[in-house]
Amino acid sequence: MDKEINSRHPHARLDAPLPESQLCLASASARRAELLRQINLRFTTIHCDIDETQQRGESAEQYCLRLSQEKAAAGRERIGHRLPVLGADTIVILNRQTLGKPRSSEEAVAMLLRLGNRTHQVATAVTIIDRKGESYRDISVSQVTFRAISHAEAVRYVASGEPLDKAGAYAIQGVAALFISHLEGSYSGVMGLPLYETAQLLAKVGVQAL
């Protein structure tokens, strides 16, 4: 069971005791929370806003790793040293170009049409900061192939609302599964949190999923 912390001051230090939680998830993602519950972890969720602008000269994987680190650091700043903090970031990469969350329905349709009938990469980076402030990081990169997508299909999918807050404008666990002809890598990583890599990192900070 996860416990969500709500605050009128999203950057304020949190002082409430959290004895039932094994870790803190520094993410507003319902998918990441769902995946942590899938492996029976007890966690506290906090929302941390950071600047997600990609830096000049920064590769897609470097960008993804940096954001996961900054999210974890922002979570630790709020919750202190009482729990390990997990930050994660997911990006879609097509021809070395990062595709983030669409800013409009029109941009979402355009992204889907670009991904159609092609193979792209989905990278999810995970950073865990332990109680002593040590950081542990890993990244999962999967290859995802879409079948051809018609303009009408893309418009109908975007109208469902599902892709509007997703990197690359799709959710593998949703209707967009109809578009995927091949996946090589981590399904949970494409969804937003690679469970194998996450469990390995958690073990390093003394948190066991089983």
C-alpha atoms as a PDB file:
ATOM      1  CA  MET A   1       0.000   0.000   0.000  1.00  0.00           C
ATOM      2  CA  ASP A   2       1.361   3.405  -0.915  1.00  0.00           C
ATOM      3  CA  LYS A   3       0.818   6.595   1.007  1.00  0.00           C
ATOM      4  CA  GLU A   4       0.630   9.870  -0.875  1.00  0.00           C
ATOM      5  CA  ILE A   5       1.846  13.050   0.726  1.00  0.00           C
ATOM      6  CA  ASN A   6      -0.013  16.180  -0.283  1.00  0.00           C
ATOM      7  CA  SER A   7       1.305  19.593   0.594  1.00  0.00           C
ATOM      8  CA  ARG A   8       0.384  23.151  -0.252  1.00  0.00           C
ATOM      9  CA  HIS A   9       4.105  23.797  -0.380  1.00  0.00           C
ATOM     10  CA  PRO A  10       5.551  21.218  -2.810  1.00  0.00           C
ATOM     11  CA  HIS A  11       9.154  22.033  -1.951  1.00  0.00           C
ATOM     12  CA  ALA A  12       8.743  22.128   1.828  1.00  0.00           C
ATOM     13  CA  ARG A  13      10.596  19.676   4.066  1.00  0.00           C
ATOM     14  CA  LEU A  14       8.373  16.835   5.262  1.00  0.00           C
ATOM     15  CA  ASP A  15       8.527  15.907   8.931  1.00  0.00           C
ATOM     16  CA  ALA A  16       5.728  13.369   9.455  1.00  0.00           C
ATOM     17  CA  PRO A  17       6.959   9.915  10.537  1.00  0.00           C
ATOM     18  CA  LEU A  18       6.632   7.198   7.887  1.00  0.00           C
ATOM     19  CA  PRO A  19       7.280   3.956   9.791  1.00  0.00           C
ATOM     20  CA  GLU A  20       5.224   1.741   7.467  1.00  0.00           C
ATOM     21  CA  SER A  21       7.038   2.728   4.250  1.00  0.00           C
ATOM     22  CA  GLN A  22      10.111   1.024   2.802  1.00  0.00           C
ATOM     23  CA  LEU A  23      10.959   3.845   0.421  1.00  0.00           C
ATOM     24  CA  CYS A  24       9.816   7.133  -1.047  1.00  0.00           C
ATOM     25  CA  LEU A  25       8.722   7.374  -4.695  1.00  0.00           C
ATOM     26  CA  ALA A  26       9.510  10.854  -5.998  1.00  0.00           C
ATOM     27  CA  SER A  27       7.035  10.731  -8.853  1.00  0.00           C
ATOM     28  CA  ALA A  28       3.441  11.598  -9.645  1.00  0.00           C
ATOM     29  CA  SER A  29       3.239   8.696 -12.107  1.00  0.00           C
ATOM     30  CA  ALA A  30       0.353   6.329 -11.421  1.00  0.00           C
ATOM     31  CA  ARG A  31       2.118   3.736 -13.572  1.00  0.00           C
ATOM     32  CA  ARG A  32       5.254   3.727 -11.439  1.00  0.00           C
ATOM     33  CA  ALA A  33       3.169   3.419  -8.290  1.00  0.00           C
ATOM     34  CA  GLU A  34       1.284   0.518  -9.860  1.00  0.00           C
ATOM     35  CA  LEU A  35       4.544  -1.253 -10.723  1.00  0.00           C
ATOM     36  CA  LEU A  36       5.928  -0.848  -7.194  1.00  0.00           C
ATOM     37  CA  ARG A  37       2.710  -2.265  -5.781  1.00  0.00           C
ATOM     38  CA  GLN A  38       3.071  -5.173  -8.219  1.00  0.00           C
ATOM     39  CA  ILE A  39       6.254  -6.240  -6.409  1.00  0.00           C
ATOM     40  CA  ASN A  40       4.674  -5.759  -2.966  1.00  0.00           C
ATOM     41  CA  LEU A  41       6.588  -2.689  -1.870  1.00  0.00           C
ATOM     42  CA  ARG A  42       5.246  -0.246   0.711  1.00  0.00           C
ATOM     43  CA  PHE A  43       6.065   3.310  -0.225  1.00  0.00           C
ATOM     44  CA  THR A  44       5.264   6.949   0.225  1.00  0.00           C
ATOM     45  CA  THR A  45       4.627   9.054  -2.872  1.00  0.00           C
ATOM     46  CA  ILE A  46       5.618  12.703  -3.161  1.00  0.00           C
ATOM     47  CA  HIS A  47       5.391  15.051  -6.122  1.00  0.00           C
ATOM     48  CA  CYS A  48       8.570  16.907  -7.059  1.00  0.00           C
ATOM     49  CA  ASP A  49       8.702  19.394  -9.916  1.00  0.00           C
ATOM     50  CA  ILE A  50      12.032  19.910 -11.689  1.00  0.00           C
ATOM     51  CA  ASP A  51      13.167  21.653 -14.872  1.00  0.00           C
ATOM     52  CA  GLU A  52      13.061  18.939 -17.548  1.00  0.00           C
ATOM     53  CA  THR A  53      14.792  20.932 -20.301  1.00  0.00           C
ATOM     54  CA  GLN A  54      17.362  18.868 -22.185  1.00  0.00           C
ATOM     55  CA  GLN A  55      20.776  20.500 -22.078  1.00  0.00           C
ATOM     56  CA  ARG A  56      22.724  21.360 -25.193  1.00  0.00           C
ATOM     57  CA  GLY A  57      25.034  18.512 -26.218  1.00  0.00           C
ATOM     58  CA  GLU A  58      23.410  16.101 -23.773  1.00  0.00           C
ATOM     59  CA  SER A  59      22.680  12.645 -25.203  1.00  0.00           C
ATOM     60  CA  ALA A  60      19.244  11.129 -24.705  1.00  0.00           C
ATOM     61  CA  GLU A  61      20.546   8.583 -22.191  1.00  0.00           C
ATOM     62  CA  GLN A  62      22.554  11.202 -20.275  1.00  0.00           C
ATOM     63  CA  TYR A  63      19.446  13.381 -20.162  1.00  0.00           C
ATOM     64  CA  CYS A  64      17.291  10.524 -18.862  1.00  0.00           C
ATOM     65  CA  LEU A  65      19.815   9.593 -16.162  1.00  0.00           C
ATOM     66  CA  ARG A  66      20.208  13.201 -15.061  1.00  0.00           C
ATOM     67  CA  LEU A  67      16.468  13.716 -14.679  1.00  0.00           C
ATOM     68  CA  SER A  68      16.108  10.557 -12.607  1.00  0.00           C
ATOM     69  CA  GLN A  69      18.924  11.799 -10.350  1.00  0.00           C
ATOM     70  CA  GLU A  70      17.400  15.258 -10.001  1.00  0.00           C
ATOM     71  CA  LYS A  71      13.967  13.833  -9.184  1.00  0.00           C
ATOM     72  CA  ALA A  72      15.457  11.592  -6.501  1.00  0.00           C
ATOM     73  CA  ALA A  73      17.460  14.506  -5.099  1.00  0.00           C
ATOM     74  CA  ALA A  74      14.347  16.706  -4.994  1.00  0.00           C
ATOM     75  CA  GLY A  75      12.511  13.942  -3.152  1.00  0.00           C
ATOM     76  CA  ARG A  76      15.322  13.563  -0.634  1.00  0.00           C
ATOM     77  CA  GLU A  77      15.331  17.313  -0.041  1.00  0.00           C
ATOM     78  CA  ARG A  78      11.700  17.082   1.002  1.00  0.00           C
ATOM     79  CA  ILE A  79      11.717  13.842   2.970  1.00  0.00           C
ATOM     80  CA  GLY A  80      15.201  13.932   4.480  1.00  0.00           C
ATOM     81  CA  HIS A  81      17.231  10.853   5.377  1.00  0.00           C
ATOM     82  CA  ARG A  82      14.427   8.715   6.828  1.00  0.00           C
ATOM     83  CA  LEU A  83      13.778   6.656   3.679  1.00  0.00           C
ATOM     84  CA  PRO A  84      15.587   5.699   0.485  1.00  0.00           C
ATOM     85  CA  VAL A  85      14.223   7.840  -2.352  1.00  0.00           C
ATOM     86  CA  LEU A  86      13.515   6.575  -5.865  1.00  0.00           C
ATOM     87  CA  GLY A  87      13.439   8.874  -8.882  1.00  0.00           C
ATOM     88  CA  ALA A  88      12.800   7.734 -12.438  1.00  0.00           C
ATOM     89  CA  ASP A  89      12.437   9.211 -15.891  1.00  0.00           C
ATOM     90  CA  THR A  90      11.229   7.748 -19.183  1.00  0.00           C
ATOM     91  CA  ILE A  91      11.916   9.094 -22.664  1.00  0.00           C
ATOM     92  CA  VAL A  92      11.225   7.947 -26.209  1.00  0.00           C
ATOM     93  CA  ILE A  93      14.079   8.180 -28.715  1.00  0.00           C
ATOM     94  CA  LEU A  94      13.632   8.201 -32.491  1.00  0.00           C
ATOM     95  CA  ASN A  95      16.725   8.616 -34.658  1.00  0.00           C
ATOM     96  CA  ARG A  96      18.606   9.989 -31.616  1.00  0.00           C
ATOM     97  CA  GLN A  97      15.953  12.650 -31.064  1.00  0.00           C
ATOM     98  CA  THR A  98      14.142  12.763 -27.745  1.00  0.00           C
ATOM     99  CA  LEU A  99      10.357  12.726 -27.888  1.00  0.00           C
ATOM    100  CA  GLY A 100       8.844  14.044 -24.682  1.00  0.00           C
ATOM    101  CA  LYS A 101       5.228  14.509 -23.666  1.00  0.00           C
ATOM    102  CA  PRO A 102       3.122  16.138 -26.396  1.00  0.00           C
ATOM    103  CA  ARG A 103       2.120  19.714 -25.721  1.00  0.00           C
ATOM    104  CA  SER A 104      -1.083  19.480 -27.756  1.00  0.00           C
ATOM    105  CA  SER A 105      -3.357  16.984 -29.472  1.00  0.00           C
ATOM    106  CA  GLU A 106      -1.885  17.986 -32.822  1.00  0.00           C
ATOM    107  CA  GLU A 107       1.643  17.279 -31.598  1.00  0.00           C
ATOM    108  CA  ALA A 108       0.518  13.911 -30.216  1.00  0.00           C
ATOM    109  CA  VAL A 109      -0.916  12.912 -33.598  1.00  0.00           C
ATOM    110  CA  ALA A 110       2.292  14.004 -35.327  1.00  0.00           C
ATOM    111  CA  MET A 111       4.414  11.942 -32.900  1.00  0.00           C
ATOM    112  CA  LEU A 112       2.345   8.816 -33.468  1.00  0.00           C
ATOM    113  CA  LEU A 113       2.594   9.169 -37.230  1.00  0.00           C
ATOM    114  CA  ARG A 114       6.374   9.542 -36.956  1.00  0.00           C
ATOM    115  CA  LEU A 115       6.590   6.381 -34.840  1.00  0.00           C
ATOM    116  CA  GLY A 116       4.376   4.372 -37.184  1.00  0.00           C
ATOM    117  CA  ASN A 117       6.052   1.568 -39.166  1.00  0.00           C
ATOM    118  CA  ARG A 118       9.391   2.223 -37.437  1.00  0.00           C
ATOM    119  CA  THR A 119      11.491   1.060 -34.503  1.00  0.00           C
ATOM    120  CA  HIS A 120      12.264   3.464 -31.675  1.00  0.00           C
ATOM    121  CA  GLN A 121      13.897   3.217 -28.264  1.00  0.00           C
ATOM    122  CA  VAL A 122      12.344   3.732 -24.857  1.00  0.00           C
ATOM    123  CA  ALA A 123      14.817   4.555 -22.083  1.00  0.00           C
ATOM    124  CA  THR A 124      13.892   4.578 -18.416  1.00  0.00           C
ATOM    125  CA  ALA A 125      16.514   5.608 -15.881  1.00  0.00           C
ATOM    126  CA  VAL A 126      16.210   4.875 -12.167  1.00  0.00           C
ATOM    127  CA  THR A 127      18.113   6.567  -9.336  1.00  0.00           C
ATOM    128  CA  ILE A 128      17.893   5.555  -5.694  1.00  0.00           C
ATOM    129  CA  ILE A 129      19.422   7.713  -2.973  1.00  0.00           C
ATOM    130  CA  ASP A 130      19.925   5.844   0.286  1.00  0.00           C
ATOM    131  CA  ARG A 131      19.600   7.169   3.824  1.00  0.00           C
ATOM    132  CA  LYS A 132      23.272   8.186   3.835  1.00  0.00           C
ATOM    133  CA  GLY A 133      22.921  10.193   0.618  1.00  0.00           C
ATOM    134  CA  GLU A 134      24.669   7.701  -1.680  1.00  0.00           C
ATOM    135  CA  SER A 135      23.228   7.429  -5.192  1.00  0.00           C
ATOM    136  CA  TYR A 136      22.730   4.259  -7.231  1.00  0.00           C
ATOM    137  CA  ARG A 137      21.638   4.498 -10.863  1.00  0.00           C
ATOM    138  CA  ASP A 138      20.784   2.283 -13.793  1.00  0.00           C
ATOM    139  CA  ILE A 139      19.051   2.621 -17.153  1.00  0.00           C
ATOM    140  CA  SER A 140      16.962   0.262 -19.237  1.00  0.00           C
ATOM    141  CA  VAL A 141      16.718   0.768 -23.004  1.00  0.00           C
ATOM    142  CA  SER A 142      14.147  -1.201 -24.997  1.00  0.00           C
ATOM    143  CA  GLN A 143      13.482  -1.448 -28.728  1.00  0.00           C
ATOM    144  CA  VAL A 144       9.844  -0.949 -29.707  1.00  0.00           C
ATOM    145  CA  THR A 145       8.489  -1.437 -33.235  1.00  0.00           C
ATOM    146  CA  PHE A 146       5.169   0.060 -34.319  1.00  0.00           C
ATOM    147  CA  ARG A 147       3.075  -1.133 -37.219  1.00  0.00           C
ATOM    148  CA  ALA A 148       1.880   1.487 -39.683  1.00  0.00           C
ATOM    149  CA  ILE A 149      -0.621   3.899 -38.096  1.00  0.00           C
ATOM    150  CA  SER A 150      -3.171   5.758 -40.182  1.00  0.00           C
ATOM    151  CA  HIS A 151      -3.960   9.392 -39.540  1.00  0.00           C
ATOM    152  CA  ALA A 152      -7.526   8.462 -38.562  1.00  0.00           C
ATOM    153  CA  GLU A 153      -6.255   5.907 -36.011  1.00  0.00           C
ATOM    154  CA  ALA A 154      -3.874   8.446 -34.498  1.00  0.00           C
ATOM    155  CA  VAL A 155      -6.648  11.024 -34.192  1.00  0.00           C
ATOM    156  CA  ARG A 156      -9.011   8.536 -32.525  1.00  0.00           C
ATOM    157  CA  TYR A 157      -6.317   7.415 -30.103  1.00  0.00           C
ATOM    158  CA  VAL A 158      -5.413  10.973 -29.148  1.00  0.00           C
ATOM    159  CA  ALA A 159      -9.110  11.777 -28.662  1.00  0.00           C
ATOM    160  CA  SER A 160      -9.196   9.078 -25.955  1.00  0.00           C
ATOM    161  CA  GLY A 161      -6.916  11.288 -23.854  1.00  0.00           C
ATOM    162  CA  GLU A 162      -4.570   8.411 -23.035  1.00  0.00           C
ATOM    163  CA  PRO A 163      -1.407   9.700 -24.766  1.00  0.00           C
ATOM    164  CA  LEU A 164      -1.462  13.338 -23.704  1.00  0.00           C
ATOM    165  CA  ASP A 165       0.749  12.961 -20.606  1.00  0.00           C
ATOM    166  CA  LYS A 166       2.982  10.180 -21.965  1.00  0.00           C
ATOM    167  CA  ALA A 167       6.460  10.417 -23.472  1.00  0.00           C
ATOM    168  CA  GLY A 168       6.171   9.656 -27.174  1.00  0.00           C
ATOM    169  CA  ALA A 169       2.377  10.081 -26.964  1.00  0.00           C
ATOM    170  CA  TYR A 170       1.507   6.502 -26.099  1.00  0.00           C
ATOM    171  CA  ALA A 171       1.039   4.080 -23.206  1.00  0.00           C
ATOM    172  CA  ILE A 172       2.137   0.484 -23.785  1.00  0.00           C
ATOM    173  CA  GLN A 173      -0.282  -0.766 -21.120  1.00  0.00           C
ATOM    174  CA  GLY A 174      -3.222   0.931 -22.816  1.00  0.00           C
ATOM    175  CA  VAL A 175      -4.857   1.004 -26.232  1.00  0.00           C
ATOM    176  CA  ALA A 176      -1.489   1.678 -27.891  1.00  0.00           C
ATOM    177  CA  ALA A 177      -0.620  -1.993 -27.379  1.00  0.00           C
ATOM    178  CA  LEU A 178      -2.524  -2.443 -30.658  1.00  0.00           C
ATOM    179  CA  PHE A 179       0.237  -0.532 -32.454  1.00  0.00           C
ATOM    180  CA  ILE A 180       3.198  -2.555 -31.152  1.00  0.00           C
ATOM    181  CA  SER A 181       4.345  -5.340 -33.473  1.00  0.00           C
ATOM    182  CA  HIS A 182       7.570  -6.150 -31.620  1.00  0.00           C
ATOM    183  CA  LEU A 183       9.198  -5.399 -28.268  1.00  0.00           C
ATOM    184  CA  GLU A 184      12.764  -6.236 -27.338  1.00  0.00           C
ATOM    185  CA  GLY A 185      13.650  -5.356 -23.771  1.00  0.00           C
ATOM    186  CA  SER A 186      11.674  -4.525 -20.641  1.00  0.00           C
ATOM    187  CA  TYR A 187       7.889  -4.191 -20.765  1.00  0.00           C
ATOM    188  CA  SER A 188       7.867  -2.585 -17.310  1.00  0.00           C
ATOM    189  CA  GLY A 189      10.667  -0.271 -18.434  1.00  0.00           C
ATOM    190  CA  VAL A 190       8.581   0.941 -21.368  1.00  0.00           C
ATOM    191  CA  MET A 191       5.667   1.347 -18.971  1.00  0.00           C
ATOM    192  CA  GLY A 192       7.789   3.611 -16.754  1.00  0.00           C
ATOM    193  CA  LEU A 193       9.836   1.597 -14.241  1.00  0.00           C
ATOM    194  CA  PRO A 194      12.063  -1.378 -15.170  1.00  0.00           C
ATOM    195  CA  LEU A 195      11.379  -3.786 -12.329  1.00  0.00           C
ATOM    196  CA  TYR A 196      14.476  -5.958 -12.725  1.00  0.00           C
ATOM    197  CA  GLU A 197      16.864  -3.006 -12.556  1.00  0.00           C
ATOM    198  CA  THR A 198      14.816  -1.341  -9.828  1.00  0.00           C
ATOM    199  CA  ALA A 199      14.879  -4.444  -7.625  1.00  0.00           C
ATOM    200  CA  GLN A 200      18.650  -4.745  -8.072  1.00  0.00           C
ATOM    201  CA  LEU A 201      19.154  -1.134  -6.980  1.00  0.00           C
ATOM    202  CA  LEU A 202      16.787  -1.472  -4.045  1.00  0.00           C
ATOM    203  CA  ALA A 203      18.682  -4.527  -2.801  1.00  0.00           C
ATOM    204  CA  LYS A 204      21.822  -2.374  -2.667  1.00  0.00           C
ATOM    205  CA  VAL A 205      20.121  -0.015  -0.206  1.00  0.00           C
ATOM    206  CA  GLY A 206      18.613  -2.797   1.892  1.00  0.00           C
ATOM    207  CA  VAL A 207      15.083  -2.852   0.466  1.00  0.00           C
ATOM    208  CA  GLN A 208      13.818  -6.274  -0.601  1.00  0.00           C
ATOM    209  CA  ALA A 209      10.859  -6.619  -2.931  1.00  0.00           C
ATOM    210  CA  LEU A 210      10.164 -10.211  -1.822  1.00  0.00           C
END
